[in-house]
Amino acid sequence: MTTGSTGSTGSPGTDDAPGAPGTEHVDHMDHLDHVDPACPAERVRGCLLGGALGDALGWPVEFQRLERILDRHGAEGVRSLPRPLGALAEVTDDTQMTLFTAEGLLLAERPTPEAVLPAVHAAYRRWLRTQCEAAPKPDATGLLAEGWLYASRAPGNACLSGLEAHAGPPGSVPVQPGERGPVNPDSKGCGTVMRSAPFGLLGLGVDRAFRLASDCAQLTHGHPTGYLAAGAFAALVERLVAGVEPGAAVEATIRQTAAFPGAGETVAALERAVRLAAEEEPGFDTVERVGLGWIAEECLAIAVFALLAAAEVGPGRALTLAVTHSGDSDSTGAVCGNLLGAAYGKRALPAAWAAEIEGRETLLRVADELLARR
């Protein structure tokens, strides 16, 4: 995920045309199994795995115009998961930072802002090392010991600059809602949203999930829309994991977000997504009317649009909708996958894709560690 780099052509060598070797089309006439809300394990695992799946599906077409995507993949959009040279499908900074968010939460002594903010910042600084170093050091521990995470795939500029500039969390973070934070105060890129699902996976309740995600988003992005969209995303994940029906969960999250000063852009984007999901056919042109996903509120809105469409078209098609557009396809795919997994569980994800994801074992292990803390 990168903002402000629209001249790139994406990841060379991984764009597969329909039927290319090493990919598998998914039948979009899939169904949704409702998971027992009393047992969150399937949803928590689905949230992390689904995010990685959407990330990998969208990464090869990031930066490409819709017309080019359809020309290469066919009128049905992106329906195959590229596997470069037969390897596992690659994930990007979206999945990497999600895992490091989880690691920070797990290392925090208590689920309070005072404990979580420095722990998550330290975890993000460890992620930063994976973008600068070629491989783990011999004494590396935790996620830093996993070689597959040492890959720089278009990381976001604000995430990089905000972490490079501060060895620890600035003392003025967090600011009051609606104020601009000291780190990249004009930045509201989607890097705040794409990494924030784990705040909704610990069973902390929607208010604490919102606050912790919003506070930690300010470590790299100071614009209120950027950090409030992250809070809204975490609260929505919290609701979905608790078994709230997706439409009701989205409406409740909009009401919660609207109570904060500076939330106007996020609320407007989510309301637009809900309206278009109700009134329009779930097509690629409609997705682009929701947004392109480079900025936080549009990234979340596209994912919400696809989540709501899933009730009609199924999770596979919903993921295709989330990535087949002219914008930040890996981030919108990742956030959509997080929401689909949280809503419907791991078993609802396209099995042919889920089996081919880089880091699958780590994702499921971290999910189980989060579950143990609930």
Protein backbone atom coordinates (compact mmCIF):
# COMPACT_ATOMS: atom_id res chain seq x y z
CA MET A 1 0.00 0.00 0.00
CA THR A 2 1.45 3.33 -1.06
CA THR A 3 -0.11 6.73 -1.25
CA GLY A 4 1.07 9.38 -3.64
CA SER A 5 2.78 6.98 -6.06
CA THR A 6 0.19 6.61 -8.76
CA GLY A 7 2.75 6.35 -11.52
CA SER A 8 3.83 2.84 -10.56
CA THR A 9 2.76 -0.19 -12.52
CA GLY A 10 2.43 -2.44 -9.47
CA SER A 11 4.41 -5.59 -8.84
CA PRO A 12 6.27 -6.72 -11.98
CA GLY A 13 5.90 -10.30 -13.01
CA THR A 14 2.93 -11.21 -10.83
CA ASP A 15 -0.03 -10.08 -12.96
CA ASP A 16 -1.68 -13.22 -14.22
CA ALA A 17 -4.15 -13.13 -17.05
CA PRO A 18 -7.15 -15.46 -16.79
CA GLY A 19 -6.03 -19.05 -16.79
CA ALA A 20 -2.36 -18.32 -16.18
CA PRO A 21 -0.33 -21.11 -14.57
CA GLY A 22 -0.12 -21.10 -10.79
CA THR A 23 -3.52 -19.49 -10.26
CA GLU A 24 -6.97 -20.83 -9.62
CA HIS A 25 -10.30 -19.19 -10.38
CA VAL A 26 -12.79 -19.26 -7.52
CA ASP A 27 -16.44 -20.02 -8.14
CA HIS A 28 -18.26 -16.95 -6.88
CA MET A 29 -21.52 -18.82 -6.34
CA ASP A 30 -20.39 -19.58 -2.82
CA HIS A 31 -22.53 -19.46 0.30
CA LEU A 32 -22.25 -17.95 3.73
CA ASP A 33 -22.32 -20.10 6.81
CA HIS A 34 -23.32 -18.23 9.93
CA VAL A 35 -20.92 -18.89 12.77
CA ASP A 36 -22.06 -19.39 16.35
CA PRO A 37 -21.51 -15.96 17.97
CA ALA A 38 -20.80 -17.68 21.26
CA CYS A 39 -17.61 -19.14 19.75
CA PRO A 40 -15.44 -16.34 18.33
CA ALA A 41 -12.49 -18.53 17.36
CA GLU A 42 -13.63 -19.06 13.77
CA ARG A 43 -14.24 -15.34 13.33
CA VAL A 44 -10.91 -14.21 14.79
CA ARG A 45 -9.00 -16.67 12.62
CA GLY A 46 -11.09 -15.69 9.62
CA CYS A 47 -10.41 -12.01 10.20
CA LEU A 48 -6.62 -12.34 10.05
CA LEU A 49 -6.58 -14.93 7.28
CA GLY A 50 -9.18 -13.06 5.24
CA GLY A 51 -7.19 -9.86 5.47
CA ALA A 52 -4.10 -11.58 4.10
CA LEU A 53 -6.15 -13.18 1.34
CA GLY A 54 -7.59 -9.85 0.20
CA ASP A 55 -4.15 -8.25 0.42
CA ALA A 56 -2.61 -10.93 -1.81
CA LEU A 57 -5.49 -10.74 -4.28
CA GLY A 58 -5.23 -6.98 -4.68
CA TRP A 59 -1.46 -6.44 -4.51
CA PRO A 60 -0.67 -7.37 -8.14
CA VAL A 61 -3.21 -4.87 -9.53
CA GLU A 62 -2.50 -1.96 -7.20
CA PHE A 63 -1.91 1.28 -9.16
CA GLN A 64 -3.58 -0.12 -12.30
CA ARG A 65 -6.58 1.50 -13.95
CA LEU A 66 -9.83 -0.47 -13.95
CA GLU A 67 -9.77 -0.70 -17.74
CA ARG A 68 -6.36 -2.37 -17.67
CA ILE A 69 -7.39 -4.77 -14.94
CA LEU A 70 -10.45 -5.89 -16.90
CA ASP A 71 -8.40 -6.19 -20.08
CA ARG A 72 -5.93 -8.51 -18.33
CA HIS A 73 -8.31 -10.46 -16.09
CA GLY A 74 -11.55 -10.44 -18.05
CA ALA A 75 -14.92 -8.82 -17.50
CA GLU A 76 -15.45 -10.65 -14.18
CA GLY A 77 -12.46 -8.93 -12.60
CA VAL A 78 -9.69 -10.39 -10.46
CA ARG A 79 -10.66 -14.00 -9.76
CA SER A 80 -7.27 -15.68 -9.51
CA LEU A 81 -4.60 -15.50 -6.87
CA PRO A 82 -1.15 -14.98 -8.44
CA ARG A 83 1.63 -17.23 -7.23
CA PRO A 84 4.96 -15.88 -8.53
CA LEU A 85 7.03 -18.73 -9.98
CA GLY A 86 4.75 -21.21 -8.23
CA ALA A 87 5.47 -19.79 -4.75
CA LEU A 88 2.84 -18.83 -2.22
CA ALA A 89 0.80 -15.71 -2.93
CA GLU A 90 2.57 -12.62 -1.61
CA VAL A 91 1.20 -10.27 1.02
CA THR A 92 2.26 -6.67 1.63
CA ASP A 93 2.75 -4.18 4.43
CA ASP A 94 -1.01 -4.38 5.11
CA THR A 95 -0.71 -7.93 6.46
CA GLN A 96 2.73 -7.32 7.93
CA MET A 97 1.59 -4.32 9.97
CA THR A 98 -1.58 -6.12 11.04
CA LEU A 99 0.56 -8.88 12.52
CA PHE A 100 2.85 -6.38 14.26
CA THR A 101 -0.22 -4.58 15.64
CA ALA A 102 -1.29 -7.90 17.14
CA GLU A 103 2.20 -8.49 18.54
CA GLY A 104 2.17 -5.09 20.20
CA LEU A 105 -1.23 -5.77 21.76
CA LEU A 106 -0.07 -9.15 23.01
CA LEU A 107 3.06 -7.63 24.58
CA ALA A 108 1.20 -4.82 26.32
CA GLU A 109 0.82 -5.52 30.02
CA ARG A 110 -2.73 -4.20 30.09
CA PRO A 111 -5.30 -3.22 27.43
CA THR A 112 -5.09 0.45 28.41
CA PRO A 113 -3.90 3.39 26.30
CA GLU A 114 -0.95 3.92 28.64
CA ALA A 115 0.27 0.35 28.10
CA VAL A 116 -0.83 -0.24 24.51
CA LEU A 117 0.52 2.90 22.86
CA PRO A 118 4.24 2.28 23.64
CA ALA A 119 3.90 -1.46 23.03
CA VAL A 120 2.33 -1.00 19.60
CA HIS A 121 4.80 1.75 18.68
CA ALA A 122 7.68 -0.57 19.57
CA ALA A 123 6.08 -3.29 17.46
CA TYR A 124 5.79 -0.92 14.50
CA ARG A 125 9.44 -0.01 14.89
CA ARG A 126 10.23 -3.72 14.68
CA TRP A 127 8.15 -3.89 11.49
CA LEU A 128 10.22 -0.99 10.15
CA ARG A 129 13.30 -3.17 10.43
CA THR A 130 11.74 -5.72 8.07
CA GLN A 131 11.52 -2.97 5.46
CA CYS A 132 15.20 -2.03 5.82
CA GLU A 133 16.99 -5.31 6.54
CA ALA A 134 17.34 -8.32 4.27
CA ALA A 135 16.82 -11.12 6.79
CA PRO A 136 16.44 -11.82 10.52
CA LYS A 137 19.38 -11.36 12.84
CA PRO A 138 20.59 -14.54 14.58
CA ASP A 139 19.13 -13.39 17.91
CA ALA A 140 15.79 -12.23 16.51
CA THR A 141 12.66 -13.21 18.41
CA GLY A 142 8.92 -13.01 17.81
CA LEU A 143 7.82 -11.86 14.40
CA LEU A 144 11.29 -10.48 13.70
CA ALA A 145 12.53 -14.08 13.52
CA GLU A 146 10.27 -14.88 10.56
CA GLY A 147 12.14 -14.44 7.30
CA TRP A 148 9.07 -14.22 5.08
CA LEU A 149 8.18 -10.87 6.69
CA TYR A 150 11.38 -9.27 5.39
CA ALA A 151 9.88 -7.92 2.18
CA SER A 152 9.25 -4.32 1.16
CA ARG A 153 6.19 -4.20 -1.11
CA ALA A 154 5.16 -0.58 -1.57
CA PRO A 155 4.86 0.38 2.12
CA GLY A 156 3.02 3.59 2.90
CA ASN A 157 5.03 6.80 3.03
CA ALA A 158 3.37 8.13 6.19
CA CYS A 159 3.93 4.84 8.02
CA LEU A 160 7.61 4.88 7.12
CA SER A 161 8.27 8.56 7.85
CA GLY A 162 6.26 8.61 11.06
CA LEU A 163 8.13 5.65 12.50
CA GLU A 164 11.55 6.71 11.26
CA ALA A 165 11.16 10.11 12.93
CA HIS A 166 10.26 8.87 16.42
CA ALA A 167 12.10 6.23 18.45
CA GLY A 168 9.20 6.26 20.91
CA PRO A 169 5.63 7.53 20.84
CA PRO A 170 5.53 11.35 20.96
CA GLY A 171 4.39 12.64 24.33
CA SER A 172 1.55 14.62 22.74
CA VAL A 173 -0.02 11.48 21.24
CA PRO A 174 -2.92 10.91 21.50
CA VAL A 175 -4.61 14.25 20.90
CA GLN A 176 -8.24 14.97 21.60
CA PRO A 177 -10.62 13.69 18.88
CA GLY A 178 -10.92 16.17 16.06
CA GLU A 179 -7.52 17.76 16.68
CA ARG A 180 -4.55 17.17 14.40
CA GLY A 181 -1.82 15.01 15.81
CA PRO A 182 1.87 15.93 15.74
CA VAL A 183 2.98 13.10 13.43
CA ASN A 184 2.17 13.75 9.76
CA PRO A 185 -0.71 16.07 10.73
CA ASP A 186 -2.06 16.31 7.18
CA SER A 187 -1.93 12.59 6.44
CA LYS A 188 -5.11 10.52 6.32
CA GLY A 189 -3.88 7.67 4.16
CA CYS A 190 -5.35 4.21 4.45
CA GLY A 191 -2.31 2.96 6.38
CA THR A 192 -4.21 3.72 9.58
CA VAL A 193 -7.09 1.42 8.67
CA MET A 194 -5.40 -1.52 7.01
CA ARG A 195 -3.40 -2.46 10.14
CA SER A 196 -6.07 -1.96 12.80
CA ALA A 197 -8.20 -5.13 12.78
CA PRO A 198 -6.49 -6.67 15.85
CA PHE A 199 -7.88 -3.93 18.12
CA GLY A 200 -11.28 -5.49 17.48
CA LEU A 201 -10.21 -9.07 18.16
CA LEU A 202 -9.51 -9.01 21.90
CA GLY A 203 -13.10 -8.66 23.07
CA LEU A 204 -12.44 -5.25 24.63
CA GLY A 205 -15.80 -3.77 23.65
CA VAL A 206 -16.53 -1.28 20.90
CA ASP A 207 -15.53 1.82 22.88
CA ARG A 208 -12.08 0.59 23.89
CA ALA A 209 -11.45 -0.97 20.47
CA PHE A 210 -12.28 2.36 18.83
CA ARG A 211 -10.11 4.38 21.20
CA LEU A 212 -7.04 2.14 21.09
CA ALA A 213 -7.09 1.94 17.29
CA SER A 214 -7.59 5.69 16.99
CA ASP A 215 -4.78 6.44 19.45
CA CYS A 216 -2.32 4.08 17.77
CA ALA A 217 -3.20 5.39 14.30
CA GLN A 218 -1.85 8.75 15.45
CA LEU A 219 1.62 7.21 15.73
CA THR A 220 1.92 7.73 11.96
CA HIS A 221 -1.07 9.78 10.77
CA GLY A 222 -2.26 12.97 12.46
CA HIS A 223 -5.31 13.88 10.38
CA PRO A 224 -8.58 13.25 12.30
CA THR A 225 -10.13 11.38 9.39
CA GLY A 226 -7.19 9.01 9.30
CA TYR A 227 -7.28 8.05 12.95
CA LEU A 228 -11.07 8.12 13.38
CA ALA A 229 -11.53 5.81 10.37
CA ALA A 230 -9.14 3.39 12.07
CA GLY A 231 -11.24 3.55 15.22
CA ALA A 232 -14.42 2.92 13.25
CA PHE A 233 -12.86 -0.09 11.55
CA ALA A 234 -11.76 -1.65 14.84
CA ALA A 235 -15.20 -1.10 16.38
CA LEU A 236 -16.85 -2.67 13.35
CA VAL A 237 -14.58 -5.72 13.62
CA GLU A 238 -15.45 -5.96 17.32
CA ARG A 239 -19.16 -5.99 16.51
CA LEU A 240 -18.84 -8.56 13.74
CA VAL A 241 -16.77 -10.94 15.87
CA ALA A 242 -19.46 -10.64 18.54
CA GLY A 243 -22.02 -11.91 16.02
CA VAL A 244 -23.80 -8.68 15.10
CA GLU A 245 -25.36 -8.89 11.61
CA PRO A 246 -23.21 -6.92 9.13
CA GLY A 247 -25.81 -4.31 8.19
CA ALA A 248 -26.67 -3.62 11.82
CA ALA A 249 -22.98 -3.57 12.76
CA VAL A 250 -22.22 -0.97 10.09
CA GLU A 251 -25.14 1.25 11.13
CA ALA A 252 -24.12 1.08 14.80
CA THR A 253 -20.54 1.92 13.88
CA ILE A 254 -21.65 4.94 11.86
CA ARG A 255 -23.63 6.23 14.83
CA GLN A 256 -20.68 5.67 17.16
CA THR A 257 -18.26 7.44 14.82
CA ALA A 258 -20.58 10.39 14.22
CA ALA A 259 -20.34 11.32 17.91
CA PHE A 260 -16.70 12.38 17.52
CA PRO A 261 -15.58 15.84 16.37
CA GLY A 262 -13.85 15.66 13.00
CA ALA A 263 -15.65 12.48 11.90
CA GLY A 264 -17.64 14.06 9.07
CA GLU A 265 -15.57 12.63 6.20
CA THR A 266 -15.57 9.12 7.63
CA VAL A 267 -19.31 9.16 8.32
CA ALA A 268 -20.09 10.54 4.85
CA ALA A 269 -17.99 7.85 3.16
CA LEU A 270 -19.63 5.05 5.14
CA GLU A 271 -23.12 6.40 4.50
CA ARG A 272 -22.32 6.57 0.79
CA ALA A 273 -21.20 2.94 0.83
CA VAL A 274 -24.39 1.85 2.60
CA ARG A 275 -26.59 3.81 0.19
CA LEU A 276 -24.90 2.46 -2.93
CA ALA A 277 -24.97 -1.10 -1.59
CA ALA A 278 -28.74 -0.76 -1.12
CA GLU A 279 -29.56 1.03 -4.38
CA GLU A 280 -27.08 -0.15 -7.01
CA GLU A 281 -25.90 -3.39 -8.54
CA PRO A 282 -22.66 -4.66 -6.96
CA GLY A 283 -20.40 -3.82 -9.90
CA PHE A 284 -16.94 -2.35 -10.40
CA ASP A 285 -18.21 1.05 -11.54
CA THR A 286 -20.24 1.30 -8.36
CA VAL A 287 -17.14 0.51 -6.30
CA GLU A 288 -15.36 3.47 -7.89
CA ARG A 289 -18.27 5.70 -6.94
CA VAL A 290 -17.60 4.71 -3.34
CA GLY A 291 -13.95 5.73 -3.72
CA LEU A 292 -10.50 4.50 -4.69
CA GLY A 293 -9.16 3.59 -1.27
CA TRP A 294 -6.00 5.69 -1.08
CA ILE A 295 -7.39 7.63 1.87
CA ALA A 296 -8.60 6.07 5.09
CA GLU A 297 -12.32 6.77 4.87
CA GLU A 298 -12.56 5.52 1.27
CA CYS A 299 -10.60 2.37 2.02
CA LEU A 300 -12.99 1.52 4.84
CA ALA A 301 -16.02 2.48 2.75
CA ILE A 302 -15.06 0.21 -0.17
CA ALA A 303 -14.56 -2.68 2.24
CA VAL A 304 -17.94 -2.00 3.84
CA PHE A 305 -19.63 -1.85 0.43
CA ALA A 306 -18.17 -5.25 -0.45
CA LEU A 307 -19.08 -6.68 2.97
CA LEU A 308 -22.70 -5.66 2.46
CA ALA A 309 -22.68 -7.03 -1.10
CA ALA A 310 -21.46 -10.41 0.19
CA ALA A 311 -24.93 -11.28 1.44
CA GLU A 312 -26.01 -11.31 -2.21
CA VAL A 313 -22.92 -12.37 -4.14
CA GLY A 314 -20.88 -14.39 -1.60
CA PRO A 315 -17.45 -13.73 -0.08
CA GLY A 316 -15.39 -14.65 -3.16
CA ARG A 317 -17.20 -12.16 -5.35
CA ALA A 318 -17.10 -9.59 -2.54
CA LEU A 319 -13.31 -9.85 -2.48
CA THR A 320 -13.20 -9.46 -6.26
CA LEU A 321 -15.30 -6.31 -5.95
CA ALA A 322 -13.00 -4.97 -3.26
CA VAL A 323 -9.85 -5.23 -5.40
CA THR A 324 -11.06 -4.63 -8.96
CA HIS A 325 -10.80 -0.85 -9.23
CA SER A 326 -8.33 1.90 -10.09
CA GLY A 327 -7.07 2.48 -6.56
CA ASP A 328 -5.33 0.95 -3.55
CA SER A 329 -6.47 -2.57 -4.29
CA ASP A 330 -4.37 -4.45 -1.76
CA SER A 331 -5.51 -2.29 1.16
CA THR A 332 -9.19 -2.35 0.22
CA GLY A 333 -8.90 -6.10 -0.32
CA ALA A 334 -7.20 -6.57 3.04
CA VAL A 335 -9.78 -4.55 4.96
CA CYS A 336 -12.64 -6.29 3.15
CA GLY A 337 -11.10 -9.69 3.95
CA ASN A 338 -10.79 -8.73 7.61
CA LEU A 339 -14.48 -7.81 7.69
CA LEU A 340 -15.66 -10.90 5.81
CA GLY A 341 -13.66 -13.20 8.06
CA ALA A 342 -14.89 -11.43 11.19
CA ALA A 343 -18.49 -11.65 9.98
CA TYR A 344 -18.61 -15.17 8.60
CA GLY A 345 -15.55 -17.03 9.86
CA LYS A 346 -12.60 -18.76 8.28
CA ARG A 347 -14.71 -21.45 6.64
CA ALA A 348 -16.55 -18.86 4.53
CA LEU A 349 -13.33 -17.74 2.81
CA PRO A 350 -12.55 -19.27 -0.61
CA ALA A 351 -10.61 -22.37 0.38
CA ALA A 352 -8.58 -22.52 -2.84
CA TRP A 353 -7.20 -19.06 -2.12
CA ALA A 354 -6.78 -19.42 1.64
CA ALA A 355 -4.53 -22.45 1.20
CA GLU A 356 -2.07 -20.47 -0.96
CA ILE A 357 -1.39 -17.47 1.28
CA GLU A 358 2.10 -16.60 2.43
CA GLY A 359 2.39 -16.69 6.23
CA ARG A 360 -0.79 -18.71 6.80
CA GLU A 361 0.61 -20.63 9.78
CA THR A 362 1.78 -17.42 11.45
CA LEU A 363 -1.57 -15.73 10.89
CA LEU A 364 -3.47 -18.59 12.48
CA ARG A 365 -1.01 -18.86 15.37
CA VAL A 366 -1.31 -15.14 16.13
CA ALA A 367 -5.09 -15.43 15.92
CA ASP A 368 -5.01 -18.17 18.54
CA GLU A 369 -2.75 -16.04 20.76
CA LEU A 370 -5.28 -13.20 20.53
CA LEU A 371 -8.06 -15.64 21.36
CA ALA A 372 -6.20 -16.73 24.47
CA ARG A 373 -6.23 -13.11 25.67
CA ARG A 374 -9.98 -12.59 25.22
